[in-house]
Amino acid sequence: SVPARSAWADVGCGTGALTQCILARCDPLSIAGIDKAEGFIATARRSV
């Protein structure tokens, strides 16, 4: 239950699954996603 218009960090964001849900449900101000796997980041950038 994070308040709307909050700034989020998605550490270990993978392919962006949680990020997509945050965007759809939480009305975030911003989200910074980070993951060590370049392949996951590439997929996240394409899908979000």
ModelCIF file with pLDDT and N, C-alpha, C, O atoms, coordinates in Angstrom:
data_MODEL
#
_entry.id   MODEL 
#
_entity.id                         1 
_entity.type                       polymer 
_entity.pdbx_number_of_molecules   1 
#
_entity_poly.entity_id                      1 
_entity_poly.type                           'polypeptide(L)' 
_entity_poly.nstd_linkage                   no 
_entity_poly.nstd_monomer                   no 
_entity_poly.pdbx_seq_one_letter_code       SVPARSAWADVGCGTGALTQCILARCDPLSIAGIDKAEGFIATARRSV 
_entity_poly.pdbx_seq_one_letter_code_can   SVPARSAWADVGCGTGALTQCILARCDPLSIAGIDKAEGFIATARRSV 
_entity_poly.pdbx_strand_id                 A 
#
loop_
_entity_poly_seq.entity_id 
_entity_poly_seq.num 
_entity_poly_seq.mon_id 
_entity_poly_seq.hetero 
1 1  SER n 
1 2  VAL n 
1 3  PRO n 
1 4  ALA n 
1 5  ARG n 
1 6  SER n 
1 7  ALA n 
1 8  TRP n 
1 9  ALA n 
1 10 ASP n 
1 11 VAL n 
1 12 GLY n 
1 13 CYS n 
1 14 GLY n 
1 15 THR n 
1 16 GLY n 
1 17 ALA n 
1 18 LEU n 
1 19 THR n 
1 20 GLN n 
1 21 CYS n 
1 22 ILE n 
1 23 LEU n 
1 24 ALA n 
1 25 ARG n 
1 26 CYS n 
1 27 ASP n 
1 28 PRO n 
1 29 LEU n 
1 30 SER n 
1 31 ILE n 
1 32 ALA n 
1 33 GLY n 
1 34 ILE n 
1 35 ASP n 
1 36 LYS n 
1 37 ALA n 
1 38 GLU n 
1 39 GLY n 
1 40 PHE n 
1 41 ILE n 
1 42 ALA n 
1 43 THR n 
1 44 ALA n 
1 45 ARG n 
1 46 ARG n 
1 47 SER n 
1 48 VAL n 
#
_struct_asym.id          A 
_struct_asym.entity_id   1 
#
loop_
_ma_qa_metric.id 
_ma_qa_metric.mode 
_ma_qa_metric.name 
_ma_qa_metric.software_group_id 
_ma_qa_metric.type 
1 global pLDDT . pLDDT 
2 local  pLDDT . pLDDT 
#
_ma_qa_metric_global.metric_id      1 
_ma_qa_metric_global.metric_value   94.67 
_ma_qa_metric_global.model_id       1 
_ma_qa_metric_global.ordinal_id     1 
#
loop_
_ma_qa_metric_local.label_asym_id 
_ma_qa_metric_local.label_comp_id 
_ma_qa_metric_local.label_seq_id 
_ma_qa_metric_local.metric_id 
_ma_qa_metric_local.metric_value 
_ma_qa_metric_local.model_id 
_ma_qa_metric_local.ordinal_id 
A SER 1  2 93.00 1 1  
A VAL 2  2 97.00 1 2  
A PRO 3  2 97.00 1 3  
A ALA 4  2 97.00 1 4  
A ARG 5  2 98.00 1 5  
A SER 6  2 98.00 1 6  
A ALA 7  2 98.00 1 7  
A TRP 8  2 98.00 1 8  
A ALA 9  2 98.00 1 9  
A ASP 10 2 97.00 1 10 
A VAL 11 2 97.00 1 11 
A GLY 12 2 93.00 1 12 
A CYS 13 2 93.00 1 13 
A GLY 14 2 89.00 1 14 
A THR 15 2 91.00 1 15 
A GLY 16 2 92.00 1 16 
A ALA 17 2 90.00 1 17 
A LEU 18 2 93.00 1 18 
A THR 19 2 94.00 1 19 
A GLN 20 2 93.00 1 20 
A CYS 21 2 94.00 1 21 
A ILE 22 2 97.00 1 22 
A LEU 23 2 97.00 1 23 
A ALA 24 2 95.00 1 24 
A ARG 25 2 95.00 1 25 
A CYS 26 2 97.00 1 26 
A ASP 27 2 97.00 1 27 
A PRO 28 2 98.00 1 28 
A LEU 29 2 98.00 1 29 
A SER 30 2 98.00 1 30 
A ILE 31 2 98.00 1 31 
A ALA 32 2 98.00 1 32 
A GLY 33 2 98.00 1 33 
A ILE 34 2 97.00 1 34 
A ASP 35 2 94.00 1 35 
A LYS 36 2 93.00 1 36 
A ALA 37 2 91.00 1 37 
A GLU 38 2 91.00 1 38 
A GLY 39 2 90.00 1 39 
A PHE 40 2 91.00 1 40 
A ILE 41 2 94.00 1 41 
A ALA 42 2 92.00 1 42 
A THR 43 2 91.00 1 43 
A ALA 44 2 93.00 1 44 
A ARG 45 2 95.00 1 45 
A ARG 46 2 93.00 1 46 
A SER 47 2 91.00 1 47 
A VAL 48 2 92.00 1 48 
#
loop_
_atom_site.group_PDB 
_atom_site.id 
_atom_site.type_symbol 
_atom_site.label_atom_id 
_atom_site.label_alt_id 
_atom_site.label_comp_id 
_atom_site.label_asym_id 
_atom_site.label_entity_id 
_atom_site.label_seq_id 
_atom_site.pdbx_PDB_ins_code 
_atom_site.Cartn_x 
_atom_site.Cartn_y 
_atom_site.Cartn_z 
_atom_site.occupancy 
_atom_site.B_iso_or_equiv 
_atom_site.pdbx_formal_charge 
_atom_site.auth_seq_id 
_atom_site.auth_comp_id 
_atom_site.auth_asym_id 
_atom_site.auth_atom_id 
_atom_site.pdbx_PDB_model_num 
ATOM 1   N N  . SER A 1 1  ? 0.796  -1.226 0.000   1.00 93.00 ? 1  SER A N  1 
ATOM 2   C CA . SER A 1 1  ? 0.000  0.000  0.000   1.00 93.00 ? 1  SER A CA 1 
ATOM 3   C C  . SER A 1 1  ? 0.839  1.292  0.000   1.00 93.00 ? 1  SER A C  1 
ATOM 4   O O  . SER A 1 1  ? 0.743  2.104  0.920   1.00 93.00 ? 1  SER A O  1 
ATOM 5   N N  . VAL A 1 2  ? 1.649  1.463  -1.033  1.00 97.00 ? 2  VAL A N  1 
ATOM 6   C CA . VAL A 1 2  ? 2.456  2.677  -1.191  1.00 97.00 ? 2  VAL A CA 1 
ATOM 7   C C  . VAL A 1 2  ? 1.553  3.774  -1.758  1.00 97.00 ? 2  VAL A C  1 
ATOM 8   O O  . VAL A 1 2  ? 0.801  3.523  -2.700  1.00 97.00 ? 2  VAL A O  1 
ATOM 9   N N  . PRO A 1 3  ? 1.616  4.986  -1.198  1.00 97.00 ? 3  PRO A N  1 
ATOM 10  C CA . PRO A 1 3  ? 0.756  6.071  -1.684  1.00 97.00 ? 3  PRO A CA 1 
ATOM 11  C C  . PRO A 1 3  ? 1.013  6.406  -3.163  1.00 97.00 ? 3  PRO A C  1 
ATOM 12  O O  . PRO A 1 3  ? 2.119  6.223  -3.671  1.00 97.00 ? 3  PRO A O  1 
ATOM 13  N N  . ALA A 1 4  ? -0.016 6.891  -3.828  1.00 97.00 ? 4  ALA A N  1 
ATOM 14  C CA . ALA A 1 4  ? 0.124  7.354  -5.209  1.00 97.00 ? 4  ALA A CA 1 
ATOM 15  C C  . ALA A 1 4  ? 1.142  8.484  -5.272  1.00 97.00 ? 4  ALA A C  1 
ATOM 16  O O  . ALA A 1 4  ? 1.420  9.151  -4.275  1.00 97.00 ? 4  ALA A O  1 
ATOM 17  N N  . ARG A 1 5  ? 1.697  8.686  -6.478  1.00 98.00 ? 5  ARG A N  1 
ATOM 18  C CA . ARG A 1 5  ? 2.670  9.744  -6.762  1.00 98.00 ? 5  ARG A CA 1 
ATOM 19  C C  . ARG A 1 5  ? 3.961  9.577  -5.964  1.00 98.00 ? 5  ARG A C  1 
ATOM 20  O O  . ARG A 1 5  ? 4.627  10.560 -5.639  1.00 98.00 ? 5  ARG A O  1 
ATOM 21  N N  . SER A 1 6  ? 4.311  8.334  -5.651  1.00 98.00 ? 6  SER A N  1 
ATOM 22  C CA . SER A 1 6  ? 5.565  8.032  -4.974  1.00 98.00 ? 6  SER A CA 1 
ATOM 23  C C  . SER A 1 6  ? 6.648  7.708  -5.998  1.00 98.00 ? 6  SER A C  1 
ATOM 24  O O  . SER A 1 6  ? 6.356  7.275  -7.113  1.00 98.00 ? 6  SER A O  1 
ATOM 25  N N  . ALA A 1 7  ? 7.888  7.921  -5.607  1.00 98.00 ? 7  ALA A N  1 
ATOM 26  C CA . ALA A 1 7  ? 9.042  7.553  -6.434  1.00 98.00 ? 7  ALA A CA 1 
ATOM 27  C C  . ALA A 1 7  ? 9.491  6.156  -6.019  1.00 98.00 ? 7  ALA A C  1 
ATOM 28  O O  . ALA A 1 7  ? 9.730  5.899  -4.838  1.00 98.00 ? 7  ALA A O  1 
ATOM 29  N N  . TRP A 1 8  ? 9.605  5.257  -6.990  1.00 98.00 ? 8  TRP A N  1 
ATOM 30  C CA . TRP A 1 8  ? 9.916  3.854  -6.732  1.00 98.00 ? 8  TRP A CA 1 
ATOM 31  C C  . TRP A 1 8  ? 11.288 3.483  -7.283  1.00 98.00 ? 8  TRP A C  1 
ATOM 32  O O  . TRP A 1 8  ? 11.744 4.047  -8.277  1.00 98.00 ? 8  TRP A O  1 
ATOM 33  N N  . ALA A 1 9  ? 11.937 2.528  -6.624  1.00 98.00 ? 9  ALA A N  1 
ATOM 34  C CA . ALA A 1 9  ? 13.109 1.840  -7.153  1.00 98.00 ? 9  ALA A CA 1 
ATOM 35  C C  . ALA A 1 9  ? 12.732 0.370  -7.275  1.00 98.00 ? 9  ALA A C  1 
ATOM 36  O O  . ALA A 1 9  ? 12.249 -0.232 -6.317  1.00 98.00 ? 9  ALA A O  1 
ATOM 37  N N  . ASP A 1 10 ? 12.949 -0.200 -8.440  1.00 97.00 ? 10 ASP A N  1 
ATOM 38  C CA . ASP A 1 10 ? 12.700 -1.631 -8.659  1.00 97.00 ? 10 ASP A CA 1 
ATOM 39  C C  . ASP A 1 10 ? 14.066 -2.297 -8.817  1.00 97.00 ? 10 ASP A C  1 
ATOM 40  O O  . ASP A 1 10 ? 14.614 -2.371 -9.917  1.00 97.00 ? 10 ASP A O  1 
ATOM 41  N N  . VAL A 1 11 ? 14.601 -2.776 -7.704  1.00 97.00 ? 11 VAL A N  1 
ATOM 42  C CA . VAL A 1 11 ? 15.938 -3.374 -7.667  1.00 97.00 ? 11 VAL A CA 1 
ATOM 43  C C  . VAL A 1 11 ? 15.808 -4.855 -8.025  1.00 97.00 ? 11 VAL A C  1 
ATOM 44  O O  . VAL A 1 11 ? 15.069 -5.602 -7.384  1.00 97.00 ? 11 VAL A O  1 
ATOM 45  N N  . GLY A 1 12 ? 16.536 -5.258 -9.057  1.00 93.00 ? 12 GLY A N  1 
ATOM 46  C CA . GLY A 1 12 ? 16.375 -6.607 -9.592  1.00 93.00 ? 12 GLY A CA 1 
ATOM 47  C C  . GLY A 1 12 ? 15.119 -6.664 -10.437 1.00 93.00 ? 12 GLY A C  1 
ATOM 48  O O  . GLY A 1 12 ? 14.344 -7.616 -10.351 1.00 93.00 ? 12 GLY A O  1 
ATOM 49  N N  . CYS A 1 13 ? 14.922 -5.638 -11.254 1.00 93.00 ? 13 CYS A N  1 
ATOM 50  C CA . CYS A 1 13 ? 13.665 -5.464 -11.996 1.00 93.00 ? 13 CYS A CA 1 
ATOM 51  C C  . CYS A 1 13 ? 13.421 -6.532 -13.053 1.00 93.00 ? 13 CYS A C  1 
ATOM 52  O O  . CYS A 1 13 ? 12.301 -6.659 -13.546 1.00 93.00 ? 13 CYS A O  1 
ATOM 53  N N  . GLY A 1 14 ? 14.428 -7.290 -13.405 1.00 89.00 ? 14 GLY A N  1 
ATOM 54  C CA . GLY A 1 14 ? 14.247 -8.349 -14.390 1.00 89.00 ? 14 GLY A CA 1 
ATOM 55  C C  . GLY A 1 14 ? 13.679 -7.822 -15.690 1.00 89.00 ? 14 GLY A C  1 
ATOM 56  O O  . GLY A 1 14 ? 14.179 -6.840 -16.238 1.00 89.00 ? 14 GLY A O  1 
ATOM 57  N N  . THR A 1 15 ? 12.657 -8.457 -16.177 1.00 91.00 ? 15 THR A N  1 
ATOM 58  C CA . THR A 1 15 ? 12.050 -8.093 -17.458 1.00 91.00 ? 15 THR A CA 1 
ATOM 59  C C  . THR A 1 15 ? 10.973 -7.019 -17.335 1.00 91.00 ? 15 THR A C  1 
ATOM 60  O O  . THR A 1 15 ? 10.336 -6.664 -18.326 1.00 91.00 ? 15 THR A O  1 
ATOM 61  N N  . GLY A 1 16 ? 10.768 -6.504 -16.132 1.00 92.00 ? 16 GLY A N  1 
ATOM 62  C CA . GLY A 1 16 ? 9.816  -5.403 -15.921 1.00 92.00 ? 16 GLY A CA 1 
ATOM 63  C C  . GLY A 1 16 ? 8.427  -5.821 -15.489 1.00 92.00 ? 16 GLY A C  1 
ATOM 64  O O  . GLY A 1 16 ? 7.502  -5.011 -15.559 1.00 92.00 ? 16 GLY A O  1 
ATOM 65  N N  . ALA A 1 17 ? 8.244  -7.048 -15.046 1.00 90.00 ? 17 ALA A N  1 
ATOM 66  C CA . ALA A 1 17 ? 6.914  -7.522 -14.652 1.00 90.00 ? 17 ALA A CA 1 
ATOM 67  C C  . ALA A 1 17 ? 6.336  -6.705 -13.492 1.00 90.00 ? 17 ALA A C  1 
ATOM 68  O O  . ALA A 1 17 ? 5.201  -6.234 -13.573 1.00 90.00 ? 17 ALA A O  1 
ATOM 69  N N  . LEU A 1 18 ? 7.099  -6.538 -12.429 1.00 93.00 ? 18 LEU A N  1 
ATOM 70  C CA . LEU A 1 18 ? 6.612  -5.748 -11.293 1.00 93.00 ? 18 LEU A CA 1 
ATOM 71  C C  . LEU A 1 18 ? 6.430  -4.286 -11.699 1.00 93.00 ? 18 LEU A C  1 
ATOM 72  O O  . LEU A 1 18 ? 5.457  -3.642 -11.306 1.00 93.00 ? 18 LEU A O  1 
ATOM 73  N N  . THR A 1 19 ? 7.356  -3.779 -12.472 1.00 94.00 ? 19 THR A N  1 
ATOM 74  C CA . THR A 1 19 ? 7.271  -2.400 -12.943 1.00 94.00 ? 19 THR A CA 1 
ATOM 75  C C  . THR A 1 19 ? 5.949  -2.144 -13.672 1.00 94.00 ? 19 THR A C  1 
ATOM 76  O O  . THR A 1 19 ? 5.292  -1.130 -13.435 1.00 94.00 ? 19 THR A O  1 
ATOM 77  N N  . GLN A 1 20 ? 5.567  -3.053 -14.547 1.00 93.00 ? 20 GLN A N  1 
ATOM 78  C CA . GLN A 1 20 ? 4.307  -2.904 -15.279 1.00 93.00 ? 20 GLN A CA 1 
ATOM 79  C C  . GLN A 1 20 ? 3.120  -2.865 -14.328 1.00 93.00 ? 20 GLN A C  1 
ATOM 80  O O  . GLN A 1 20 ? 2.178  -2.102 -14.542 1.00 93.00 ? 20 GLN A O  1 
ATOM 81  N N  . CYS A 1 21 ? 3.158  -3.666 -13.299 1.00 94.00 ? 21 CYS A N  1 
ATOM 82  C CA . CYS A 1 21 ? 2.067  -3.675 -12.312 1.00 94.00 ? 21 CYS A CA 1 
ATOM 83  C C  . CYS A 1 21 ? 2.047  -2.395 -11.490 1.00 94.00 ? 21 CYS A C  1 
ATOM 84  O O  . CYS A 1 21 ? 0.974  -1.872 -11.187 1.00 94.00 ? 21 CYS A O  1 
ATOM 85  N N  . ILE A 1 22 ? 3.206  -1.889 -11.129 1.00 97.00 ? 22 ILE A N  1 
ATOM 86  C CA . ILE A 1 22 ? 3.275  -0.616 -10.392 1.00 97.00 ? 22 ILE A CA 1 
ATOM 87  C C  . ILE A 1 22 ? 2.665  0.494  -11.247 1.00 97.00 ? 22 ILE A C  1 
ATOM 88  O O  . ILE A 1 22 ? 1.864  1.291  -10.760 1.00 97.00 ? 22 ILE A O  1 
ATOM 89  N N  . LEU A 1 23 ? 3.045  0.540  -12.508 1.00 97.00 ? 23 LEU A N  1 
ATOM 90  C CA . LEU A 1 23 ? 2.507  1.565  -13.415 1.00 97.00 ? 23 LEU A CA 1 
ATOM 91  C C  . LEU A 1 23 ? 0.990  1.457  -13.541 1.00 97.00 ? 23 LEU A C  1 
ATOM 92  O O  . LEU A 1 23 ? 0.297  2.475  -13.560 1.00 97.00 ? 23 LEU A O  1 
ATOM 93  N N  . ALA A 1 24 ? 0.477  0.251  -13.625 1.00 95.00 ? 24 ALA A N  1 
ATOM 94  C CA . ALA A 1 24 ? -0.951 0.029  -13.830 1.00 95.00 ? 24 ALA A CA 1 
ATOM 95  C C  . ALA A 1 24 ? -1.787 0.263  -12.577 1.00 95.00 ? 24 ALA A C  1 
ATOM 96  O O  . ALA A 1 24 ? -2.946 0.664  -12.681 1.00 95.00 ? 24 ALA A O  1 
ATOM 97  N N  . ARG A 1 25 ? -1.224 0.022  -11.397 1.00 95.00 ? 25 ARG A N  1 
ATOM 98  C CA . ARG A 1 25 ? -2.033 0.013  -10.171 1.00 95.00 ? 25 ARG A CA 1 
ATOM 99  C C  . ARG A 1 25 ? -1.736 1.127  -9.177  1.00 95.00 ? 25 ARG A C  1 
ATOM 100 O O  . ARG A 1 25 ? -2.582 1.440  -8.339  1.00 95.00 ? 25 ARG A O  1 
ATOM 101 N N  . CYS A 1 26 ? -0.555 1.732  -9.251  1.00 97.00 ? 26 CYS A N  1 
ATOM 102 C CA . CYS A 1 26 ? -0.111 2.581  -8.135  1.00 97.00 ? 26 CYS A CA 1 
ATOM 103 C C  . CYS A 1 26 ? 0.057  4.061  -8.464  1.00 97.00 ? 26 CYS A C  1 
ATOM 104 O O  . CYS A 1 26 ? 0.373  4.844  -7.569  1.00 97.00 ? 26 CYS A O  1 
ATOM 105 N N  . ASP A 1 27 ? -0.140 4.467  -9.696  1.00 97.00 ? 27 ASP A N  1 
ATOM 106 C CA . ASP A 1 27 ? 0.038  5.858  -10.100 1.00 97.00 ? 27 ASP A CA 1 
ATOM 107 C C  . ASP A 1 27 ? 1.347  6.442  -9.562  1.00 97.00 ? 27 ASP A C  1 
ATOM 108 O O  . ASP A 1 27 ? 1.332  7.423  -8.818  1.00 97.00 ? 27 ASP A O  1 
ATOM 109 N N  . PRO A 1 28 ? 2.490  5.832  -9.943  1.00 98.00 ? 28 PRO A N  1 
ATOM 110 C CA . PRO A 1 28 ? 3.767  6.313  -9.416  1.00 98.00 ? 28 PRO A CA 1 
ATOM 111 C C  . PRO A 1 28 ? 4.198  7.633  -10.048 1.00 98.00 ? 28 PRO A C  1 
ATOM 112 O O  . PRO A 1 28 ? 3.809  7.945  -11.173 1.00 98.00 ? 28 PRO A O  1 
ATOM 113 N N  . LEU A 1 29 ? 4.988  8.389  -9.334  1.00 98.00 ? 29 LEU A N  1 
ATOM 114 C CA . LEU A 1 29 ? 5.622  9.585  -9.883  1.00 98.00 ? 29 LEU A CA 1 
ATOM 115 C C  . LEU A 1 29 ? 6.717  9.158  -10.857 1.00 98.00 ? 29 LEU A C  1 
ATOM 116 O O  . LEU A 1 29 ? 6.847  9.709  -11.950 1.00 98.00 ? 29 LEU A O  1 
ATOM 117 N N  . SER A 1 30 ? 7.500  8.166  -10.438 1.00 98.00 ? 30 SER A N  1 
ATOM 118 C CA . SER A 1 30 ? 8.590  7.653  -11.263 1.00 98.00 ? 30 SER A CA 1 
ATOM 119 C C  . SER A 1 30 ? 8.982  6.268  -10.756 1.00 98.00 ? 30 SER A C  1 
ATOM 120 O O  . SER A 1 30 ? 8.703  5.898  -9.615  1.00 98.00 ? 30 SER A O  1 
ATOM 121 N N  . ILE A 1 31 ? 9.644  5.507  -11.646 1.00 98.00 ? 31 ILE A N  1 
ATOM 122 C CA . ILE A 1 31 ? 10.206 4.208  -11.270 1.00 98.00 ? 31 ILE A CA 1 
ATOM 123 C C  . ILE A 1 31 ? 11.566 4.094  -11.933 1.00 98.00 ? 31 ILE A C  1 
ATOM 124 O O  . ILE A 1 31 ? 11.698 4.303  -13.139 1.00 98.00 ? 31 ILE A O  1 
ATOM 125 N N  . ALA A 1 32 ? 12.574 3.763  -11.144 1.00 98.00 ? 32 ALA A N  1 
ATOM 126 C CA . ALA A 1 32 ? 13.907 3.473  -11.665 1.00 98.00 ? 32 ALA A CA 1 
ATOM 127 C C  . ALA A 1 32 ? 14.149 1.984  -11.484 1.00 98.00 ? 32 ALA A C  1 
ATOM 128 O O  . ALA A 1 32 ? 14.221 1.490  -10.359 1.00 98.00 ? 32 ALA A O  1 
ATOM 129 N N  . GLY A 1 33 ? 14.273 1.272  -12.596 1.00 98.00 ? 33 GLY A N  1 
ATOM 130 C CA . GLY A 1 33 ? 14.523 -0.161 -12.551 1.00 98.00 ? 33 GLY A CA 1 
ATOM 131 C C  . GLY A 1 33 ? 15.991 -0.451 -12.811 1.00 98.00 ? 33 GLY A C  1 
ATOM 132 O O  . GLY A 1 33 ? 16.621 0.179  -13.661 1.00 98.00 ? 33 GLY A O  1 
ATOM 133 N N  . ILE A 1 34 ? 16.528 -1.412 -12.070 1.00 97.00 ? 34 ILE A N  1 
ATOM 134 C CA . ILE A 1 34 ? 17.926 -1.794 -12.258 1.00 97.00 ? 34 ILE A CA 1 
ATOM 135 C C  . ILE A 1 34 ? 18.052 -3.312 -12.140 1.00 97.00 ? 34 ILE A C  1 
ATOM 136 O O  . ILE A 1 34 ? 17.438 -3.933 -11.272 1.00 97.00 ? 34 ILE A O  1 
ATOM 137 N N  . ASP A 1 35 ? 18.847 -3.892 -13.017 1.00 94.00 ? 35 ASP A N  1 
ATOM 138 C CA . ASP A 1 35 ? 19.107 -5.328 -12.984 1.00 94.00 ? 35 ASP A CA 1 
ATOM 139 C C  . ASP A 1 35 ? 20.494 -5.570 -13.563 1.00 94.00 ? 35 ASP A C  1 
ATOM 140 O O  . ASP A 1 35 ? 20.950 -4.828 -14.432 1.00 94.00 ? 35 ASP A O  1 
ATOM 141 N N  . LYS A 1 36 ? 21.147 -6.589 -13.087 1.00 93.00 ? 36 LYS A N  1 
ATOM 142 C CA . LYS A 1 36 ? 22.495 -6.907 -13.544 1.00 93.00 ? 36 LYS A CA 1 
ATOM 143 C C  . LYS A 1 36 ? 22.492 -7.603 -14.903 1.00 93.00 ? 36 LYS A C  1 
ATOM 144 O O  . LYS A 1 36 ? 23.505 -7.591 -15.602 1.00 93.00 ? 36 LYS A O  1 
ATOM 145 N N  . ALA A 1 37 ? 21.385 -8.200 -15.281 1.00 91.00 ? 37 ALA A N  1 
ATOM 146 C CA . ALA A 1 37 ? 21.301 -8.972 -16.523 1.00 91.00 ? 37 ALA A CA 1 
ATOM 147 C C  . ALA A 1 37 ? 20.891 -8.067 -17.694 1.00 91.00 ? 37 ALA A C  1 
ATOM 148 O O  . ALA A 1 37 ? 19.749 -7.613 -17.764 1.00 91.00 ? 37 ALA A O  1 
ATOM 149 N N  . GLU A 1 38 ? 21.814 -7.815 -18.591 1.00 91.00 ? 38 GLU A N  1 
ATOM 150 C CA . GLU A 1 38 ? 21.544 -6.952 -19.743 1.00 91.00 ? 38 GLU A CA 1 
ATOM 151 C C  . GLU A 1 38 ? 20.401 -7.491 -20.600 1.00 91.00 ? 38 GLU A C  1 
ATOM 152 O O  . GLU A 1 38 ? 19.623 -6.711 -21.150 1.00 91.00 ? 38 GLU A O  1 
ATOM 153 N N  . GLY A 1 39 ? 20.291 -8.819 -20.721 1.00 90.00 ? 39 GLY A N  1 
ATOM 154 C CA . GLY A 1 39 ? 19.198 -9.399 -21.495 1.00 90.00 ? 39 GLY A CA 1 
ATOM 155 C C  . GLY A 1 39 ? 17.839 -9.073 -20.909 1.00 90.00 ? 39 GLY A C  1 
ATOM 156 O O  . GLY A 1 39 ? 16.882 -8.842 -21.648 1.00 90.00 ? 39 GLY A O  1 
ATOM 157 N N  . PHE A 1 40 ? 17.744 -9.052 -19.586 1.00 91.00 ? 40 PHE A N  1 
ATOM 158 C CA . PHE A 1 40 ? 16.481 -8.691 -18.927 1.00 91.00 ? 40 PHE A CA 1 
ATOM 159 C C  . PHE A 1 40 ? 16.168 -7.212 -19.144 1.00 91.00 ? 40 PHE A C  1 
ATOM 160 O O  . PHE A 1 40 ? 15.027 -6.851 -19.431 1.00 91.00 ? 40 PHE A O  1 
ATOM 161 N N  . ILE A 1 41 ? 17.172 -6.367 -19.007 1.00 94.00 ? 41 ILE A N  1 
ATOM 162 C CA . ILE A 1 41 ? 16.976 -4.926 -19.200 1.00 94.00 ? 41 ILE A CA 1 
ATOM 163 C C  . ILE A 1 41 ? 16.520 -4.634 -20.628 1.00 94.00 ? 41 ILE A C  1 
ATOM 164 O O  . ILE A 1 41 ? 15.632 -3.809 -20.842 1.00 94.00 ? 41 ILE A O  1 
ATOM 165 N N  . ALA A 1 42 ? 17.124 -5.305 -21.595 1.00 92.00 ? 42 ALA A N  1 
ATOM 166 C CA . ALA A 1 42 ? 16.719 -5.106 -22.991 1.00 92.00 ? 42 ALA A CA 1 
ATOM 167 C C  . ALA A 1 42 ? 15.250 -5.470 -23.195 1.00 92.00 ? 42 ALA A C  1 
ATOM 168 O O  . ALA A 1 42 ? 14.521 -4.754 -23.882 1.00 92.00 ? 42 ALA A O  1 
ATOM 169 N N  . THR A 1 43 ? 14.815 -6.582 -22.602 1.00 91.00 ? 43 THR A N  1 
ATOM 170 C CA . THR A 1 43 ? 13.411 -6.984 -22.698 1.00 91.00 ? 43 THR A CA 1 
ATOM 171 C C  . THR A 1 43 ? 12.512 -5.972 -21.999 1.00 91.00 ? 43 THR A C  1 
ATOM 172 O O  . THR A 1 43 ? 11.462 -5.610 -22.529 1.00 91.00 ? 43 THR A O  1 
ATOM 173 N N  . ALA A 1 44 ? 12.910 -5.513 -20.818 1.00 93.00 ? 44 ALA A N  1 
ATOM 174 C CA . ALA A 1 44 ? 12.107 -4.529 -20.078 1.00 93.00 ? 44 ALA A CA 1 
ATOM 175 C C  . ALA A 1 44 ? 11.957 -3.243 -20.871 1.00 93.00 ? 44 ALA A C  1 
ATOM 176 O O  . ALA A 1 44 ? 10.868 -2.671 -20.930 1.00 93.00 ? 44 ALA A O  1 
ATOM 177 N N  . ARG A 1 45 ? 13.039 -2.785 -21.478 1.00 95.00 ? 45 ARG A N  1 
ATOM 178 C CA . ARG A 1 45 ? 12.969 -1.545 -22.263 1.00 95.00 ? 45 ARG A CA 1 
ATOM 179 C C  . ARG A 1 45 ? 12.028 -1.680 -23.446 1.00 95.00 ? 45 ARG A C  1 
ATOM 180 O O  . ARG A 1 45 ? 11.342 -0.723 -23.805 1.00 95.00 ? 45 ARG A O  1 
ATOM 181 N N  . ARG A 1 46 ? 11.987 -2.851 -24.052 1.00 93.00 ? 46 ARG A N  1 
ATOM 182 C CA . ARG A 1 46 ? 11.084 -3.076 -25.192 1.00 93.00 ? 46 ARG A CA 1 
ATOM 183 C C  . ARG A 1 46 ? 9.628  -3.180 -24.753 1.00 93.00 ? 46 ARG A C  1 
ATOM 184 O O  . ARG A 1 46 ? 8.728  -2.788 -25.495 1.00 93.00 ? 46 ARG A O  1 
ATOM 185 N N  . SER A 1 47 ? 9.391  -3.700 -23.564 1.00 91.00 ? 47 SER A N  1 
ATOM 186 C CA . SER A 1 47 ? 8.013  -3.998 -23.169 1.00 91.00 ? 47 SER A CA 1 
ATOM 187 C C  . SER A 1 47 ? 7.362  -2.934 -22.289 1.00 91.00 ? 47 SER A C  1 
ATOM 188 O O  . SER A 1 47 ? 6.145  -2.961 -22.109 1.00 91.00 ? 47 SER A O  1 
ATOM 189 N N  . VAL A 1 48 ? 8.127  -2.009 -21.742 1.00 92.00 ? 48 VAL A N  1 
ATOM 190 C CA . VAL A 1 48 ? 7.565  -0.974 -20.872 1.00 92.00 ? 48 VAL A CA 1 
ATOM 191 C C  . VAL A 1 48 ? 7.894  0.392  -21.466 1.00 92.00 ? 48 VAL A C  1 
ATOM 192 O O  . VAL A 1 48 ? 7.518  1.418  -20.899 1.00 92.00 ? 48 VAL A O  1 
#
